[in-house]
Amino acid sequence: MASVASARDKAPATPGVGVAVTGALVVLFCIGFATVNVHFEMTDHFANGVHAEYTSGIAVMNWLVAVLKVMGATLALLSIVKRPRLLPPALLGVLLWGAFAMLSVYALGSVIQAVGMASGLAGTADQIDMAGVGYVLFFLLFAAGYGVLAISYSRRSGLRKGVAVLGALGAPLGLGGILLAVPMLLAALDLLPAP
């Protein structure tokens, strides 16, 4: 029994240089991406235009996404430090796998949307531009970064495969909450247009 407890309390091995660099890049991406949301709010970016009357609802979504990005940066950082003390290893593993799965589902959805547009099934190929392609590629790389961190952390911490499964199963719920439930709630409060 003591050996099981000591194995659980043992700090994960230090990640290799490639994983550490990947983690640092993911942290920078998250913080940089959150900075965009903060900039939007500080400059009243959404105060004018078609949805100006929904500025409050857009602000709620904007701050929610900014907080999620900062949380993502924290997870990435915790995955590469020698001994993260904020979260138990299994919980950190679940959250890393969840971030990987959520970003993968989001990126895959964007790829499917682009294929639909290119084939004429949903929109037209003219709607695909370089900014959109760059956006999708960014999220694919972002998801891959979390995949590297999740795999490395799970191996270094000796986590069971159920941790990955649990994280992956939670991803659609998280994505559904962000993209569907919260906007629907804000629409019900007349803070966003009805879908």
Protein backbone atom coordinates (compact mmCIF):
# COMPACT_ATOMS: atom_id res chain seq x y z
CA MET A 1 0.00 0.00 0.00
CA ALA A 2 2.84 2.40 0.81
CA SER A 3 4.42 1.80 -2.61
CA VAL A 4 1.16 2.78 -4.35
CA ALA A 5 0.92 6.00 -2.33
CA SER A 6 4.56 6.87 -2.99
CA ALA A 7 4.12 6.24 -6.73
CA ARG A 8 1.12 8.55 -6.75
CA ASP A 9 2.96 11.31 -4.88
CA LYS A 10 6.08 11.00 -7.02
CA ALA A 11 6.73 14.00 -9.23
CA PRO A 12 6.62 13.37 -12.96
CA ALA A 13 9.95 13.28 -14.73
CA THR A 14 11.14 16.52 -16.27
CA PRO A 15 9.92 16.82 -19.87
CA GLY A 16 12.34 16.72 -22.76
CA VAL A 17 13.42 19.88 -24.55
CA GLY A 18 10.89 19.39 -27.37
CA VAL A 19 7.99 19.01 -24.95
CA ALA A 20 9.16 21.98 -22.87
CA VAL A 21 9.39 24.14 -26.00
CA THR A 22 5.94 22.94 -27.11
CA GLY A 23 4.54 23.81 -23.69
CA ALA A 24 6.13 27.26 -23.77
CA LEU A 25 4.71 27.89 -27.25
CA VAL A 26 1.23 26.79 -26.16
CA VAL A 27 1.45 29.15 -23.17
CA LEU A 28 2.48 32.02 -25.46
CA PHE A 29 -0.30 31.21 -27.96
CA CYS A 30 -2.89 31.17 -25.17
CA ILE A 31 -1.73 34.44 -23.64
CA GLY A 32 -1.38 36.12 -27.04
CA PHE A 33 -4.81 34.91 -28.07
CA ALA A 34 -6.34 36.10 -24.77
CA THR A 35 -4.71 39.49 -25.33
CA VAL A 36 -6.79 39.86 -28.50
CA ASN A 37 -9.97 39.44 -26.45
CA VAL A 38 -8.79 41.97 -23.88
CA HIS A 39 -7.89 44.39 -26.68
CA PHE A 40 -11.38 44.03 -28.14
CA GLU A 41 -12.92 44.94 -24.79
CA MET A 42 -10.54 47.80 -24.01
CA THR A 43 -11.16 49.42 -27.41
CA ASP A 44 -14.95 48.82 -27.58
CA HIS A 45 -14.34 46.89 -30.80
CA PHE A 46 -17.92 45.60 -30.91
CA ALA A 47 -19.63 48.88 -29.94
CA ASN A 48 -20.34 49.74 -33.58
CA GLY A 49 -21.68 47.69 -36.44
CA VAL A 50 -24.46 45.20 -37.02
CA HIS A 51 -24.48 43.76 -33.49
CA ALA A 52 -23.85 46.99 -31.54
CA GLU A 53 -27.05 46.51 -29.55
CA TYR A 54 -25.65 43.20 -28.23
CA THR A 55 -22.38 44.62 -26.90
CA SER A 56 -23.08 43.33 -23.37
CA GLY A 57 -23.62 39.74 -24.50
CA ILE A 58 -20.60 39.85 -26.77
CA ALA A 59 -18.55 41.19 -23.84
CA VAL A 60 -19.65 38.24 -21.67
CA MET A 61 -18.59 35.78 -24.36
CA ASN A 62 -15.36 37.67 -24.98
CA TRP A 63 -14.35 37.65 -21.29
CA LEU A 64 -15.38 33.99 -20.93
CA VAL A 65 -13.15 33.02 -23.83
CA ALA A 66 -10.29 35.15 -22.47
CA VAL A 67 -10.53 33.39 -19.08
CA LEU A 68 -10.56 29.98 -20.80
CA LYS A 69 -7.42 30.93 -22.72
CA VAL A 70 -5.64 31.98 -19.52
CA MET A 71 -6.73 28.69 -17.93
CA GLY A 72 -5.33 26.89 -20.99
CA ALA A 73 -2.01 28.69 -20.54
CA THR A 74 -1.97 27.64 -16.89
CA LEU A 75 -2.60 23.98 -17.80
CA ALA A 76 0.17 24.03 -20.40
CA LEU A 77 2.59 25.59 -17.91
CA LEU A 78 1.68 23.09 -15.18
CA SER A 79 2.28 20.22 -17.60
CA ILE A 80 5.93 21.14 -18.07
CA VAL A 81 7.00 22.20 -14.57
CA LYS A 82 8.72 19.62 -12.43
CA ARG A 83 5.99 19.26 -9.80
CA PRO A 84 2.72 21.12 -10.28
CA ARG A 85 1.23 21.71 -6.84
CA LEU A 86 -2.07 23.28 -7.87
CA LEU A 87 -3.73 20.13 -9.23
CA PRO A 88 -3.46 16.41 -8.60
CA PRO A 89 -1.75 14.63 -11.54
CA ALA A 90 -4.90 12.76 -12.63
CA LEU A 91 -6.97 15.96 -12.73
CA LEU A 92 -4.29 17.81 -14.68
CA GLY A 93 -4.14 14.85 -17.07
CA VAL A 94 -7.92 14.90 -17.59
CA LEU A 95 -7.85 18.65 -18.26
CA LEU A 96 -4.94 18.36 -20.72
CA TRP A 97 -6.67 15.56 -22.62
CA GLY A 98 -9.91 17.57 -22.52
CA ALA A 99 -8.17 20.64 -23.98
CA PHE A 100 -6.62 18.49 -26.71
CA ALA A 101 -9.95 16.85 -27.55
CA MET A 102 -11.93 20.11 -27.44
CA LEU A 103 -9.52 21.92 -29.75
CA SER A 104 -9.36 18.88 -32.04
CA VAL A 105 -13.16 18.70 -32.34
CA TYR A 106 -13.32 22.46 -32.98
CA ALA A 107 -10.57 22.30 -35.63
CA LEU A 108 -12.12 19.23 -37.26
CA GLY A 109 -15.48 21.01 -37.38
CA SER A 110 -13.79 23.95 -39.12
CA VAL A 111 -12.15 21.60 -41.64
CA ILE A 112 -15.51 19.92 -42.36
CA GLN A 113 -17.10 23.35 -42.78
CA ALA A 114 -14.35 24.34 -45.24
CA VAL A 115 -14.82 21.12 -47.20
CA GLY A 116 -18.56 21.79 -47.33
CA MET A 117 -17.91 25.29 -48.62
CA ALA A 118 -15.35 24.11 -51.18
CA SER A 119 -17.75 21.44 -52.47
CA GLY A 120 -20.72 23.83 -52.56
CA LEU A 121 -22.73 21.86 -49.98
CA ALA A 122 -22.72 24.71 -47.46
CA GLY A 123 -21.79 28.04 -48.93
CA THR A 124 -19.31 28.58 -51.73
CA ALA A 125 -15.57 28.19 -52.24
CA ASP A 126 -15.37 31.99 -52.62
CA GLN A 127 -16.02 32.28 -48.87
CA ILE A 128 -12.71 30.53 -48.12
CA ASP A 129 -9.89 33.04 -47.77
CA MET A 130 -6.31 32.96 -46.49
CA ALA A 131 -7.33 34.34 -43.10
CA GLY A 132 -9.81 31.46 -42.67
CA VAL A 133 -7.25 28.88 -43.77
CA GLY A 134 -4.70 30.36 -41.36
CA TYR A 135 -7.26 30.28 -38.55
CA VAL A 136 -7.96 26.57 -39.12
CA LEU A 137 -4.25 25.73 -39.38
CA PHE A 138 -3.61 27.66 -36.16
CA PHE A 139 -6.21 25.59 -34.30
CA LEU A 140 -4.86 22.34 -35.75
CA LEU A 141 -1.37 23.26 -34.48
CA PHE A 142 -2.84 24.41 -31.17
CA ALA A 143 -4.63 21.06 -30.75
CA ALA A 144 -1.46 19.18 -31.69
CA GLY A 145 0.46 21.13 -29.04
CA TYR A 146 -1.99 20.05 -26.35
CA GLY A 147 -1.80 16.50 -27.70
CA VAL A 148 1.97 16.49 -27.22
CA LEU A 149 1.58 17.90 -23.69
CA ALA A 150 -1.17 15.43 -22.75
CA ILE A 151 0.76 12.40 -24.01
CA SER A 152 4.02 13.49 -22.42
CA TYR A 153 2.47 14.40 -19.06
CA SER A 154 0.46 11.17 -18.92
CA ARG A 155 3.55 9.07 -19.60
CA ARG A 156 5.76 10.98 -17.19
CA SER A 157 3.13 10.81 -14.45
CA GLY A 158 2.21 7.18 -15.06
CA LEU A 159 -1.46 8.01 -15.58
CA ARG A 160 -3.94 5.35 -16.64
CA LYS A 161 -5.60 5.40 -20.06
CA GLY A 162 -8.94 6.17 -18.41
CA VAL A 163 -7.66 9.69 -17.76
CA ALA A 164 -7.41 10.29 -21.53
CA VAL A 165 -10.84 8.78 -22.11
CA LEU A 166 -12.42 10.92 -19.40
CA GLY A 167 -10.83 14.06 -20.82
CA ALA A 168 -11.95 13.20 -24.35
CA LEU A 169 -15.51 12.49 -23.21
CA GLY A 170 -15.72 15.84 -21.43
CA ALA A 171 -14.58 17.79 -24.49
CA PRO A 172 -17.92 17.78 -26.37
CA LEU A 173 -19.66 18.95 -23.19
CA GLY A 174 -17.20 21.81 -22.77
CA LEU A 175 -17.41 22.82 -26.41
CA GLY A 176 -21.21 22.56 -26.35
CA GLY A 177 -21.32 24.78 -23.28
CA ILE A 178 -19.11 27.43 -24.84
CA LEU A 179 -20.62 27.42 -28.33
CA LEU A 180 -24.26 26.55 -27.58
CA ALA A 181 -25.41 26.74 -23.96
CA VAL A 182 -23.90 30.08 -22.95
CA PRO A 183 -24.97 31.88 -26.17
CA MET A 184 -28.48 30.42 -25.81
CA LEU A 185 -28.67 31.67 -22.23
CA LEU A 186 -27.47 35.12 -23.29
CA ALA A 187 -30.02 35.13 -26.14
CA ALA A 188 -32.78 34.25 -23.66
CA LEU A 189 -31.72 37.31 -21.66
CA ASP A 190 -31.80 39.41 -24.87
CA LEU A 191 -28.06 40.00 -24.63
CA LEU A 192 -27.34 38.19 -27.90
CA PRO A 193 -29.47 37.68 -31.02
CA ALA A 194 -31.53 34.49 -31.07
CA PRO A 195 -29.83 31.70 -33.03
